[in-house]
Amino acid sequence: MRNLKKLLLVLIFLAVAAAVLIFVLENQQAVALSVLGWSSPSLPVSVFILAGVLAGMLLGPLFGWYIAASSKRRWRKQLRAKARAEQRAALATVPLDSASAAGAPAQPVTQPPAVK
């Protein structure tokens, strides 16, 4: 089974390499790109297209990593805020009498007791 997977991987790689080779050989017309007054040297159009594809293959995972990291930071921030809110809620409940101290549910404090 492992050899079959390796063979399949090699065949896919060879098919992609053949497609790229055919693409390069069929697109040999020289072009020059002009951007903001700057002009590139005349190169085959396939060079520019393959450079764009490779740049996309490099930048795509970087953007994905950035988005995942920022959402992870946001998730952690929300988790910390939730933990703080739960801690505040736990501190706001105090036992009112000895029965509640023995295991009855605590009641939230609404106002401080009056001083006589």
PDB file of N, CA and C in Angstrom:
ATOM      1  N   MET A   1       0.818  -1.189   0.000  1.00  0.00           N
ATOM      2  CA  MET A   1       0.000   0.000   0.000  1.00  0.00           C
ATOM      3  C   MET A   1       0.866   1.259   0.000  1.00  0.00           C
ATOM      4  N   ARG A   2       1.961   1.225   0.771  1.00  0.00           N
ATOM      5  CA  ARG A   2       2.856   2.374   0.829  1.00  0.00           C
ATOM      6  C   ARG A   2       3.497   2.618  -0.539  1.00  0.00           C
ATOM      7  N   ASN A   3       3.890   1.539  -1.225  1.00  0.00           N
ATOM      8  CA  ASN A   3       4.501   1.686  -2.549  1.00  0.00           C
ATOM      9  C   ASN A   3       3.498   2.229  -3.558  1.00  0.00           C
ATOM     10  N   LEU A   4       2.233   1.838  -3.417  1.00  0.00           N
ATOM     11  CA  LEU A   4       1.204   2.341  -4.320  1.00  0.00           C
ATOM     12  C   LEU A   4       1.019   3.849  -4.133  1.00  0.00           C
ATOM     13  N   LYS A   5       1.044   4.315  -2.887  1.00  0.00           N
ATOM     14  CA  LYS A   5       0.920   5.748  -2.621  1.00  0.00           C
ATOM     15  C   LYS A   5       2.105   6.511  -3.202  1.00  0.00           C
ATOM     16  N   LYS A   6       3.314   5.955  -3.042  1.00  0.00           N
ATOM     17  CA  LYS A   6       4.504   6.608  -3.600  1.00  0.00           C
ATOM     18  C   LYS A   6       4.426   6.665  -5.115  1.00  0.00           C
ATOM     19  N   LEU A   7       3.988   5.575  -5.735  1.00  0.00           N
ATOM     20  CA  LEU A   7       3.866   5.528  -7.187  1.00  0.00           C
ATOM     21  C   LEU A   7       2.841   6.553  -7.665  1.00  0.00           C
ATOM     22  N   LEU A   8       1.714   6.633  -6.981  1.00  0.00           N
ATOM     23  CA  LEU A   8       0.685   7.593  -7.349  1.00  0.00           C
ATOM     24  C   LEU A   8       1.198   9.025  -7.195  1.00  0.00           C
ATOM     25  N   LEU A   9       1.933   9.289  -6.134  1.00  0.00           N
ATOM     26  CA  LEU A   9       2.503  10.618  -5.914  1.00  0.00           C
ATOM     27  C   LEU A   9       3.502  10.977  -7.018  1.00  0.00           C
ATOM     28  N   VAL A  10       4.336  10.033  -7.407  1.00  0.00           N
ATOM     29  CA  VAL A  10       5.308  10.267  -8.477  1.00  0.00           C
ATOM     30  C   VAL A  10       4.591  10.525  -9.793  1.00  0.00           C
ATOM     31  N   LEU A  11       3.535   9.773 -10.080  1.00  0.00           N
ATOM     32  CA  LEU A  11       2.791   9.968 -11.327  1.00  0.00           C
ATOM     33  C   LEU A  11       2.116  11.346 -11.358  1.00  0.00           C
ATOM     34  N   ILE A  12       1.565  11.773 -10.239  1.00  0.00           N
ATOM     35  CA  ILE A  12       0.946  13.103 -10.183  1.00  0.00           C
ATOM     36  C   ILE A  12       2.002  14.184 -10.379  1.00  0.00           C
ATOM     37  N   PHE A  13       3.153  14.027  -9.727  1.00  0.00           N
ATOM     38  CA  PHE A  13       4.239  14.995  -9.883  1.00  0.00           C
ATOM     39  C   PHE A  13       4.698  15.062 -11.337  1.00  0.00           C
ATOM     40  N   LEU A  14       4.852  13.918 -11.986  1.00  0.00           N
ATOM     41  CA  LEU A  14       5.277  13.898 -13.388  1.00  0.00           C
ATOM     42  C   LEU A  14       4.232  14.547 -14.293  1.00  0.00           C
ATOM     43  N   ALA A  15       2.956  14.338 -14.011  1.00  0.00           N
ATOM     44  CA  ALA A  15       1.900  14.949 -14.820  1.00  0.00           C
ATOM     45  C   ALA A  15       1.926  16.470 -14.678  1.00  0.00           C
ATOM     46  N   VAL A  16       2.106  16.954 -13.453  1.00  0.00           N
ATOM     47  CA  VAL A  16       2.176  18.406 -13.242  1.00  0.00           C
ATOM     48  C   VAL A  16       3.425  18.977 -13.912  1.00  0.00           C
ATOM     49  N   ALA A  17       4.554  18.290 -13.787  1.00  0.00           N
ATOM     50  CA  ALA A  17       5.794  18.755 -14.420  1.00  0.00           C
ATOM     51  C   ALA A  17       5.643  18.791 -15.938  1.00  0.00           C
ATOM     52  N   ALA A  18       4.986  17.790 -16.511  1.00  0.00           N
ATOM     53  CA  ALA A  18       4.765  17.772 -17.958  1.00  0.00           C
ATOM     54  C   ALA A  18       3.854  18.927 -18.373  1.00  0.00           C
ATOM     55  N   ALA A  19       2.818  19.205 -17.590  1.00  0.00           N
ATOM     56  CA  ALA A  19       1.910  20.309 -17.916  1.00  0.00           C
ATOM     57  C   ALA A  19       2.646  21.646 -17.865  1.00  0.00           C
ATOM     58  N   VAL A  20       3.504  21.831 -16.868  1.00  0.00           N
ATOM     59  CA  VAL A  20       4.279  23.071 -16.767  1.00  0.00           C
ATOM     60  C   VAL A  20       5.240  23.191 -17.945  1.00  0.00           C
ATOM     61  N   LEU A  21       5.899  22.106 -18.306  1.00  0.00           N
ATOM     62  CA  LEU A  21       6.826  22.118 -19.439  1.00  0.00           C
ATOM     63  C   LEU A  21       6.102  22.471 -20.731  1.00  0.00           C
ATOM     64  N   ILE A  22       4.948  21.881 -20.962  1.00  0.00           N
ATOM     65  CA  ILE A  22       4.171  22.185 -22.167  1.00  0.00           C
ATOM     66  C   ILE A  22       3.744  23.653 -22.155  1.00  0.00           C
ATOM     67  N   PHE A  23       3.318  24.143 -20.998  1.00  0.00           N
ATOM     68  CA  PHE A  23       2.906  25.545 -20.882  1.00  0.00           C
ATOM     69  C   PHE A  23       4.060  26.479 -21.227  1.00  0.00           C
ATOM     70  N   VAL A  24       5.238  26.187 -20.697  1.00  0.00           N
ATOM     71  CA  VAL A  24       6.410  27.036 -20.952  1.00  0.00           C
ATOM     72  C   VAL A  24       6.792  26.994 -22.426  1.00  0.00           C
ATOM     73  N   LEU A  25       6.758  25.823 -23.021  1.00  0.00           N
ATOM     74  CA  LEU A  25       7.148  25.704 -24.428  1.00  0.00           C
ATOM     75  C   LEU A  25       6.138  26.356 -25.368  1.00  0.00           C
ATOM     76  N   GLU A  26       4.873  26.397 -24.986  1.00  0.00           N
ATOM     77  CA  GLU A  26       3.845  26.987 -25.842  1.00  0.00           C
ATOM     78  C   GLU A  26       3.740  28.508 -25.681  1.00  0.00           C
ATOM     79  N   ASN A  27       4.312  29.067 -24.643  1.00  0.00           N
ATOM     80  CA  ASN A  27       4.197  30.503 -24.382  1.00  0.00           C
ATOM     81  C   ASN A  27       5.577  31.155 -24.386  1.00  0.00           C
ATOM     82  N   GLN A  28       6.197  31.189 -25.548  1.00  0.00           N
ATOM     83  CA  GLN A  28       7.547  31.723 -25.683  1.00  0.00           C
ATOM     84  C   GLN A  28       7.586  33.158 -26.193  1.00  0.00           C
ATOM     85  N   GLN A  29       6.432  33.777 -26.410  1.00  0.00           N
ATOM     86  CA  GLN A  29       6.415  35.144 -26.910  1.00  0.00           C
ATOM     87  C   GLN A  29       6.989  36.084 -25.851  1.00  0.00           C
ATOM     88  N   ALA A  30       7.930  36.934 -26.260  1.00  0.00           N
ATOM     89  CA  ALA A  30       8.581  37.851 -25.327  1.00  0.00           C
ATOM     90  C   ALA A  30       7.682  39.053 -25.060  1.00  0.00           C
ATOM     91  N   VAL A  31       7.584  39.408 -23.799  1.00  0.00           N
ATOM     92  CA  VAL A  31       6.807  40.584 -23.403  1.00  0.00           C
ATOM     93  C   VAL A  31       7.613  41.362 -22.372  1.00  0.00           C
ATOM     94  N   ALA A  32       7.300  42.647 -22.262  1.00  0.00           N
ATOM     95  CA  ALA A  32       7.904  43.496 -21.234  1.00  0.00           C
ATOM     96  C   ALA A  32       6.771  44.121 -20.437  1.00  0.00           C
ATOM     97  N   LEU A  33       6.860  44.047 -19.131  1.00  0.00           N
ATOM     98  CA  LEU A  33       5.843  44.638 -18.268  1.00  0.00           C
ATOM     99  C   LEU A  33       6.252  46.057 -17.902  1.00  0.00           C
ATOM    100  N   SER A  34       5.276  46.959 -17.901  1.00  0.00           N
ATOM    101  CA  SER A  34       5.519  48.350 -17.505  1.00  0.00           C
ATOM    102  C   SER A  34       4.636  48.674 -16.313  1.00  0.00           C
ATOM    103  N   VAL A  35       5.268  49.139 -15.230  1.00  0.00           N
ATOM    104  CA  VAL A  35       4.538  49.504 -14.019  1.00  0.00           C
ATOM    105  C   VAL A  35       5.085  50.839 -13.527  1.00  0.00           C
ATOM    106  N   LEU A  36       4.226  51.859 -13.490  1.00  0.00           N
ATOM    107  CA  LEU A  36       4.587  53.184 -12.982  1.00  0.00           C
ATOM    108  C   LEU A  36       5.872  53.735 -13.611  1.00  0.00           C
ATOM    109  N   GLY A  37       5.998  53.577 -14.908  1.00  0.00           N
ATOM    110  CA  GLY A  37       7.152  54.109 -15.613  1.00  0.00           C
ATOM    111  C   GLY A  37       8.341  53.170 -15.676  1.00  0.00           C
ATOM    112  N   TRP A  38       8.334  52.117 -14.871  1.00  0.00           N
ATOM    113  CA  TRP A  38       9.430  51.151 -14.886  1.00  0.00           C
ATOM    114  C   TRP A  38       9.068  50.031 -15.849  1.00  0.00           C
ATOM    115  N   SER A  39      10.013  49.621 -16.662  1.00  0.00           N
ATOM    116  CA  SER A  39       9.773  48.561 -17.636  1.00  0.00           C
ATOM    117  C   SER A  39      10.713  47.402 -17.367  1.00  0.00           C
ATOM    118  N   SER A  40      10.156  46.207 -17.373  1.00  0.00           N
ATOM    119  CA  SER A  40      10.973  45.016 -17.126  1.00  0.00           C
ATOM    120  C   SER A  40      11.662  44.593 -18.418  1.00  0.00           C
ATOM    121  N   PRO A  41      12.692  43.769 -18.308  1.00  0.00           N
ATOM    122  CA  PRO A  41      13.301  43.239 -19.526  1.00  0.00           C
ATOM    123  C   PRO A  41      12.325  42.317 -20.252  1.00  0.00           C
ATOM    124  N   SER A  42      12.518  42.171 -21.541  1.00  0.00           N
ATOM    125  CA  SER A  42      11.648  41.294 -22.323  1.00  0.00           C
ATOM    126  C   SER A  42      11.949  39.845 -21.986  1.00  0.00           C
ATOM    127  N   LEU A  43      10.944  39.157 -21.477  1.00  0.00           N
ATOM    128  CA  LEU A  43      11.046  37.745 -21.117  1.00  0.00           C
ATOM    129  C   LEU A  43       9.832  37.017 -21.664  1.00  0.00           C
ATOM    130  N   PRO A  44       9.908  35.705 -21.802  1.00  0.00           N
ATOM    131  CA  PRO A  44       8.729  34.956 -22.246  1.00  0.00           C
ATOM    132  C   PRO A  44       7.559  35.150 -21.274  1.00  0.00           C
ATOM    133  N   VAL A  45       6.350  35.198 -21.813  1.00  0.00           N
ATOM    134  CA  VAL A  45       5.160  35.421 -20.997  1.00  0.00           C
ATOM    135  C   VAL A  45       5.006  34.328 -19.941  1.00  0.00           C
ATOM    136  N   SER A  46       5.471  33.132 -20.235  1.00  0.00           N
ATOM    137  CA  SER A  46       5.351  32.035 -19.269  1.00  0.00           C
ATOM    138  C   SER A  46       6.160  32.304 -18.003  1.00  0.00           C
ATOM    139  N   VAL A  47       7.261  33.040 -18.122  1.00  0.00           N
ATOM    140  CA  VAL A  47       8.076  33.363 -16.945  1.00  0.00           C
ATOM    141  C   VAL A  47       7.279  34.240 -15.987  1.00  0.00           C
ATOM    142  N   PHE A  48       6.589  35.251 -16.531  1.00  0.00           N
ATOM    143  CA  PHE A  48       5.803  36.139 -15.680  1.00  0.00           C
ATOM    144  C   PHE A  48       4.626  35.404 -15.039  1.00  0.00           C
ATOM    145  N   ILE A  49       3.976  34.554 -15.806  1.00  0.00           N
ATOM    146  CA  ILE A  49       2.824  33.820 -15.266  1.00  0.00           C
ATOM    147  C   ILE A  49       3.269  32.845 -14.186  1.00  0.00           C
ATOM    148  N   LEU A  50       4.342  32.109 -14.435  1.00  0.00           N
ATOM    149  CA  LEU A  50       4.829  31.161 -13.422  1.00  0.00           C
ATOM    150  C   LEU A  50       5.342  31.888 -12.181  1.00  0.00           C
ATOM    151  N   ALA A  51       5.948  33.069 -12.365  1.00  0.00           N
ATOM    152  CA  ALA A  51       6.391  33.849 -11.203  1.00  0.00           C
ATOM    153  C   ALA A  51       5.185  34.285 -10.368  1.00  0.00           C
ATOM    154  N   GLY A  52       4.107  34.671 -11.024  1.00  0.00           N
ATOM    155  CA  GLY A  52       2.889  35.043 -10.302  1.00  0.00           C
ATOM    156  C   GLY A  52       2.280  33.866  -9.559  1.00  0.00           C
ATOM    157  N   VAL A  53       2.274  32.699 -10.186  1.00  0.00           N
ATOM    158  CA  VAL A  53       1.741  31.496  -9.528  1.00  0.00           C
ATOM    159  C   VAL A  53       2.591  31.139  -8.314  1.00  0.00           C
ATOM    160  N   LEU A  54       3.907  31.180  -8.463  1.00  0.00           N
ATOM    161  CA  LEU A  54       4.784  30.857  -7.333  1.00  0.00           C
ATOM    162  C   LEU A  54       4.644  31.875  -6.202  1.00  0.00           C
ATOM    163  N   ALA A  55       4.502  33.155  -6.556  1.00  0.00           N
ATOM    164  CA  ALA A  55       4.303  34.175  -5.514  1.00  0.00           C
ATOM    165  C   ALA A  55       2.999  33.918  -4.762  1.00  0.00           C
ATOM    166  N   GLY A  56       1.955  33.540  -5.480  1.00  0.00           N
ATOM    167  CA  GLY A  56       0.686  33.215  -4.832  1.00  0.00           C
ATOM    168  C   GLY A  56       0.791  31.992  -3.941  1.00  0.00           C
ATOM    169  N   MET A  57       1.577  31.010  -4.373  1.00  0.00           N
ATOM    170  CA  MET A  57       1.761  29.804  -3.561  1.00  0.00           C
ATOM    171  C   MET A  57       2.538  30.111  -2.287  1.00  0.00           C
ATOM    172  N   LEU A  58       3.387  31.127  -2.321  1.00  0.00           N
ATOM    173  CA  LEU A  58       4.134  31.507  -1.120  1.00  0.00           C
ATOM    174  C   LEU A  58       3.329  32.435  -0.214  1.00  0.00           C
ATOM    175  N   LEU A  59       2.610  33.392  -0.799  1.00  0.00           N
ATOM    176  CA  LEU A  59       1.881  34.374   0.000  1.00  0.00           C
ATOM    177  C   LEU A  59       0.574  33.825   0.570  1.00  0.00           C
ATOM    178  N   GLY A  60      -0.059  32.896  -0.120  1.00  0.00           N
ATOM    179  CA  GLY A  60      -1.323  32.325   0.355  1.00  0.00           C
ATOM    180  C   GLY A  60      -1.212  31.707   1.737  1.00  0.00           C
ATOM    181  N   PRO A  61      -0.258  30.804   1.960  1.00  0.00           N
ATOM    182  CA  PRO A  61      -0.110  30.236   3.309  1.00  0.00           C
ATOM    183  C   PRO A  61       0.275  31.272   4.359  1.00  0.00           C
ATOM    184  N   LEU A  62       1.024  32.303   3.983  1.00  0.00           N
ATOM    185  CA  LEU A  62       1.370  33.346   4.951  1.00  0.00           C
ATOM    186  C   LEU A  62       0.126  34.107   5.407  1.00  0.00           C
ATOM    187  N   PHE A  63      -0.759  34.445   4.464  1.00  0.00           N
ATOM    188  CA  PHE A  63      -1.998  35.119   4.834  1.00  0.00           C
ATOM    189  C   PHE A  63      -2.876  34.199   5.677  1.00  0.00           C
ATOM    190  N   GLY A  64      -2.925  32.927   5.321  1.00  0.00           N
ATOM    191  CA  GLY A  64      -3.695  31.968   6.113  1.00  0.00           C
ATOM    192  C   GLY A  64      -3.166  31.856   7.527  1.00  0.00           C
ATOM    193  N   TRP A  65      -1.850  31.838   7.678  1.00  0.00           N
ATOM    194  CA  TRP A  65      -1.238  31.769   9.012  1.00  0.00           C
ATOM    195  C   TRP A  65      -1.575  33.021   9.814  1.00  0.00           C
ATOM    196  N   TYR A  66      -1.527  34.185   9.166  1.00  0.00           N
ATOM    197  CA  TYR A  66      -1.836  35.440   9.857  1.00  0.00           C
ATOM    198  C   TYR A  66      -3.287  35.461  10.339  1.00  0.00           C
ATOM    199  N   ILE A  67      -4.207  35.036   9.492  1.00  0.00           N
ATOM    200  CA  ILE A  67      -5.620  35.018   9.867  1.00  0.00           C
ATOM    201  C   ILE A  67      -5.858  34.035  11.003  1.00  0.00           C
ATOM    202  N   ALA A  68      -5.233  32.859  10.936  1.00  0.00           N
ATOM    203  CA  ALA A  68      -5.395  31.871  12.006  1.00  0.00           C
ATOM    204  C   ALA A  68      -4.822  32.393  13.318  1.00  0.00           C
ATOM    205  N   ALA A  69      -3.676  33.050  13.266  1.00  0.00           N
ATOM    206  CA  ALA A  69      -3.060  33.574  14.489  1.00  0.00           C
ATOM    207  C   ALA A  69      -3.912  34.683  15.092  1.00  0.00           C
ATOM    208  N   SER A  70      -4.465  35.561  14.262  1.00  0.00           N
ATOM    209  CA  SER A  70      -5.281  36.648  14.805  1.00  0.00           C
ATOM    210  C   SER A  70      -6.585  36.117  15.389  1.00  0.00           C
ATOM    211  N   SER A  71      -7.185  35.113  14.761  1.00  0.00           N
ATOM    212  CA  SER A  71      -8.417  34.563  15.329  1.00  0.00           C
ATOM    213  C   SER A  71      -8.119  33.797  16.614  1.00  0.00           C
ATOM    214  N   LYS A  72      -6.948  33.183  16.699  1.00  0.00           N
ATOM    215  CA  LYS A  72      -6.570  32.487  17.931  1.00  0.00           C
ATOM    216  C   LYS A  72      -6.365  33.493  19.063  1.00  0.00           C
ATOM    217  N   ARG A  73      -5.736  34.639  18.749  1.00  0.00           N
ATOM    218  CA  ARG A  73      -5.575  35.691  19.756  1.00  0.00           C
ATOM    219  C   ARG A  73      -6.932  36.200  20.227  1.00  0.00           C
ATOM    220  N   ARG A  74      -7.854  36.422  19.296  1.00  0.00           N
ATOM    221  CA  ARG A  74      -9.186  36.898  19.645  1.00  0.00           C
ATOM    222  C   ARG A  74      -9.907  35.866  20.515  1.00  0.00           C
ATOM    223  N   TRP A  75      -9.780  34.591  20.187  1.00  0.00           N
ATOM    224  CA  TRP A  75     -10.413  33.529  20.958  1.00  0.00           C
ATOM    225  C   TRP A  75      -9.853  33.490  22.381  1.00  0.00           C
ATOM    226  N   ARG A  76      -8.524  33.611  22.517  1.00  0.00           N
ATOM    227  CA  ARG A  76      -7.912  33.612  23.846  1.00  0.00           C
ATOM    228  C   ARG A  76      -8.372  34.820  24.663  1.00  0.00           C
ATOM    229  N   LYS A  77      -8.492  35.978  24.017  1.00  0.00           N
ATOM    230  CA  LYS A  77      -8.949  37.178  24.712  1.00  0.00           C
ATOM    231  C   LYS A  77     -10.376  36.986  25.218  1.00  0.00           C
ATOM    232  N   GLN A  78     -11.238  36.401  24.386  1.00  0.00           N
ATOM    233  CA  GLN A  78     -12.609  36.143  24.809  1.00  0.00           C
ATOM    234  C   GLN A  78     -12.648  35.130  25.947  1.00  0.00           C
ATOM    235  N   LEU A  79     -11.791  34.127  25.890  1.00  0.00           N
ATOM    236  CA  LEU A  79     -11.739  33.116  26.941  1.00  0.00           C
ATOM    237  C   LEU A  79     -11.305  33.735  28.268  1.00  0.00           C
ATOM    238  N   ARG A  80     -10.296  34.620  28.236  1.00  0.00           N
ATOM    239  CA  ARG A  80      -9.856  35.297  29.458  1.00  0.00           C
ATOM    240  C   ARG A  80     -10.959  36.195  30.016  1.00  0.00           C
ATOM    241  N   ALA A  81     -11.673  36.904  29.136  1.00  0.00           N
ATOM    242  CA  ALA A  81     -12.764  37.772  29.592  1.00  0.00           C
ATOM    243  C   ALA A  81     -13.874  36.942  30.233  1.00  0.00           C
ATOM    244  N   LYS A  82     -14.168  35.797  29.657  1.00  0.00           N
ATOM    245  CA  LYS A  82     -15.199  34.924  30.222  1.00  0.00           C
ATOM    246  C   LYS A  82     -14.762  34.403  31.587  1.00  0.00           C
ATOM    247  N   ALA A  83     -13.504  34.025  31.723  1.00  0.00           N
ATOM    248  CA  ALA A  83     -12.996  33.527  33.005  1.00  0.00           C
ATOM    249  C   ALA A  83     -13.052  34.628  34.063  1.00  0.00           C
ATOM    250  N   ARG A  84     -12.698  35.861  33.682  1.00  0.00           N
ATOM    251  CA  ARG A  84     -12.777  36.973  34.633  1.00  0.00           C
ATOM    252  C   ARG A  84     -14.214  37.229  35.061  1.00  0.00           C
ATOM    253  N   ALA A  85     -15.155  37.161  34.117  1.00  0.00           N
ATOM    254  CA  ALA A  85     -16.565  37.378  34.446  1.00  0.00           C
ATOM    255  C   ALA A  85     -17.073  36.284  35.379  1.00  0.00           C
ATOM    256  N   GLU A  86     -16.680  35.043  35.130  1.00  0.00           N
ATOM    257  CA  GLU A  86     -17.085  33.947  36.013  1.00  0.00           C
ATOM    258  C   GLU A  86     -16.477  34.115  37.398  1.00  0.00           C
ATOM    259  N   GLN A  87     -15.247  34.589  37.455  1.00  0.00           N
ATOM    260  CA  GLN A  87     -14.596  34.795  38.748  1.00  0.00           C
ATOM    261  C   GLN A  87     -15.295  35.919  39.517  1.00  0.00           C
ATOM    262  N   ARG A  88     -15.653  37.004  38.821  1.00  0.00           N
ATOM    263  CA  ARG A  88     -16.388  38.088  39.479  1.00  0.00           C
ATOM    264  C   ARG A  88     -17.744  37.609  39.982  1.00  0.00           C
ATOM    265  N   ALA A  89     -18.419  36.778  39.187  1.00  0.00           N
ATOM    266  CA  ALA A  89     -19.723  36.261  39.599  1.00  0.00           C
ATOM    267  C   ALA A  89     -19.579  35.357  40.816  1.00  0.00           C
ATOM    268  N   ALA A  90     -18.515  34.576  40.866  1.00  0.00           N
ATOM    269  CA  ALA A  90     -18.292  33.695  42.017  1.00  0.00           C
ATOM    270  C   ALA A  90     -17.978  34.507  43.264  1.00  0.00           C
ATOM    271  N   LEU A  91     -17.263  35.605  43.121  1.00  0.00           N
ATOM    272  CA  LEU A  91     -16.940  36.447  44.272  1.00  0.00           C
ATOM    273  C   LEU A  91     -18.151  37.237  44.757  1.00  0.00           C
ATOM    274  N   ALA A  92     -19.120  37.482  43.876  1.00  0.00           N
ATOM    275  CA  ALA A  92     -20.299  38.257  44.247  1.00  0.00           C
ATOM    276  C   ALA A  92     -21.287  37.437  45.063  1.00  0.00           C
ATOM    277  N   THR A  93     -21.154  36.121  45.078  1.00  0.00           N
ATOM    278  CA  THR A  93     -22.066  35.282  45.856  1.00  0.00           C
ATOM    279  C   THR A  93     -21.414  34.947  47.183  1.00  0.00           C
ATOM    280  N   VAL A  94     -22.139  35.196  48.262  1.00  0.00           N
ATOM    281  CA  VAL A  94     -21.643  34.878  49.602  1.00  0.00           C
ATOM    282  C   VAL A  94     -22.746  34.164  50.362  1.00  0.00           C
ATOM    283  N   PRO A  95     -22.419  33.270  51.283  1.00  0.00           N
ATOM    284  CA  PRO A  95     -23.461  32.596  52.068  1.00  0.00           C
ATOM    285  C   PRO A  95     -24.140  33.584  53.019  1.00  0.00           C
ATOM    286  N   LEU A  96     -25.481  33.495  53.141  1.00  0.00           N
ATOM    287  CA  LEU A  96     -26.234  34.413  53.989  1.00  0.00           C
ATOM    288  C   LEU A  96     -26.414  33.904  55.414  1.00  0.00           C
ATOM    289  N   ASP A  97     -26.464  32.589  55.610  1.00  0.00           N
ATOM    290  CA  ASP A  97     -26.610  32.050  56.958  1.00  0.00           C
ATOM    291  C   ASP A  97     -25.855  30.732  57.059  1.00  0.00           C
ATOM    292  N   SER A  98     -25.946  30.110  58.201  1.00  0.00           N
ATOM    293  CA  SER A  98     -25.191  28.876  58.407  1.00  0.00           C
ATOM    294  C   SER A  98     -25.730  27.736  57.568  1.00  0.00           C
ATOM    295  N   ALA A  99     -27.026  27.756  57.199  1.00  0.00           N
ATOM    296  CA  ALA A  99     -27.589  26.690  56.366  1.00  0.00           C
ATOM    297  C   ALA A  99     -26.981  26.742  54.971  1.00  0.00           C
ATOM    298  N   SER A 100     -26.795  27.944  54.464  1.00  0.00           N
ATOM    299  CA  SER A 100     -26.208  28.044  53.136  1.00  0.00           C
ATOM    300  C   SER A 100     -24.727  27.690  53.170  1.00  0.00           C
ATOM    301  N   ALA A 101     -24.083  27.905  54.294  1.00  0.00           N
ATOM    302  CA  ALA A 101     -22.678  27.536  54.406  1.00  0.00           C
ATOM    303  C   ALA A 101     -22.523  26.029  54.445  1.00  0.00           C
ATOM    304  N   ALA A 102     -23.602  25.323  54.835  1.00  0.00           N
ATOM    305  CA  ALA A 102     -23.539  23.870  54.932  1.00  0.00           C
ATOM    306  C   ALA A 102     -23.768  23.199  53.589  1.00  0.00           C
ATOM    307  N   GLY A 103     -24.031  23.935  52.537  1.00  0.00           N
ATOM    308  CA  GLY A 103     -24.168  23.302  51.232  1.00  0.00           C
ATOM    309  C   GLY A 103     -25.325  23.818  50.410  1.00  0.00           C
ATOM    310  N   ALA A 104     -26.196  24.641  50.960  1.00  0.00           N
ATOM    311  CA  ALA A 104     -27.282  25.216  50.187  1.00  0.00           C
ATOM    312  C   ALA A 104     -26.696  26.237  49.212  1.00  0.00           C
ATOM    313  N   PRO A 105     -27.368  26.463  48.101  1.00  0.00           N
ATOM    314  CA  PRO A 105     -26.818  27.412  47.126  1.00  0.00           C
ATOM    315  C   PRO A 105     -26.723  28.818  47.697  1.00  0.00           C
ATOM    316  N   ALA A 106     -25.675  29.507  47.338  1.00  0.00           N
ATOM    317  CA  ALA A 106     -25.448  30.863  47.828  1.00  0.00           C
ATOM    318  C   ALA A 106     -26.302  31.838  47.044  1.00  0.00           C
ATOM    319  N   GLN A 107     -26.656  32.935  47.660  1.00  0.00           N
ATOM    320  CA  GLN A 107     -27.468  33.972  47.041  1.00  0.00           C
ATOM    321  C   GLN A 107     -26.567  35.148  46.674  1.00  0.00           C
ATOM    322  N   PRO A 108     -26.827  35.788  45.559  1.00  0.00           N
ATOM    323  CA  PRO A 108     -26.011  36.946  45.201  1.00  0.00           C
ATOM    324  C   PRO A 108     -26.292  38.117  46.136  1.00  0.00           C
ATOM    325  N   VAL A 109     -25.274  38.886  46.393  1.00  0.00           N
ATOM    326  CA  VAL A 109     -25.402  40.054  47.257  1.00  0.00           C
ATOM    327  C   VAL A 109     -25.938  41.195  46.417  1.00  0.00           C
ATOM    328  N   THR A 110     -27.076  41.762  46.842  1.00  0.00           N
ATOM    329  CA  THR A 110     -27.657  42.862  46.079  1.00  0.00           C
ATOM    330  C   THR A 110     -27.297  44.208  46.680  1.00  0.00           C
ATOM    331  N   GLN A 111     -27.242  44.298  48.012  1.00  0.00           N
ATOM    332  CA  GLN A 111     -26.843  45.540  48.661  1.00  0.00           C
ATOM    333  C   GLN A 111     -26.160  45.203  49.980  1.00  0.00           C
ATOM    334  N   PRO A 112     -25.317  46.078  50.454  1.00  0.00           N
ATOM    335  CA  PRO A 112     -24.622  45.782  51.710  1.00  0.00           C
ATOM    336  C   PRO A 112     -25.605  45.817  52.877  1.00  0.00           C
ATOM    337  N   PRO A 113     -25.319  45.052  53.942  1.00  0.00           N
ATOM    338  CA  PRO A 113     -26.215  45.054  55.104  1.00  0.00           C
ATOM    339  C   PRO A 113     -26.189  46.415  55.793  1.00  0.00           C
ATOM    340  N   ALA A 114     -27.333  46.780  56.374  1.00  0.00           N
ATOM    341  CA  ALA A 114     -27.450  48.077  57.049  1.00  0.00           C
ATOM    342  C   ALA A 114     -26.714  48.042  58.374  1.00  0.00           C
ATOM    343  N   VAL A 115     -26.050  49.128  58.718  1.00  0.00           N
ATOM    344  CA  VAL A 115     -25.304  49.240  59.968  1.00  0.00           C
ATOM    345  C   VAL A 115     -26.211  49.907  61.000  1.00  0.00           C
ATOM    346  N   LYS A 116     -26.339  49.319  62.223  1.00  0.00           N
ATOM    347  CA  LYS A 116     -27.197  49.879  63.282  1.00  0.00           C
ATOM    348  C   LYS A 116     -26.398  50.572  64.323  1.00  0.00           C
TER     349      LYS A 116
END
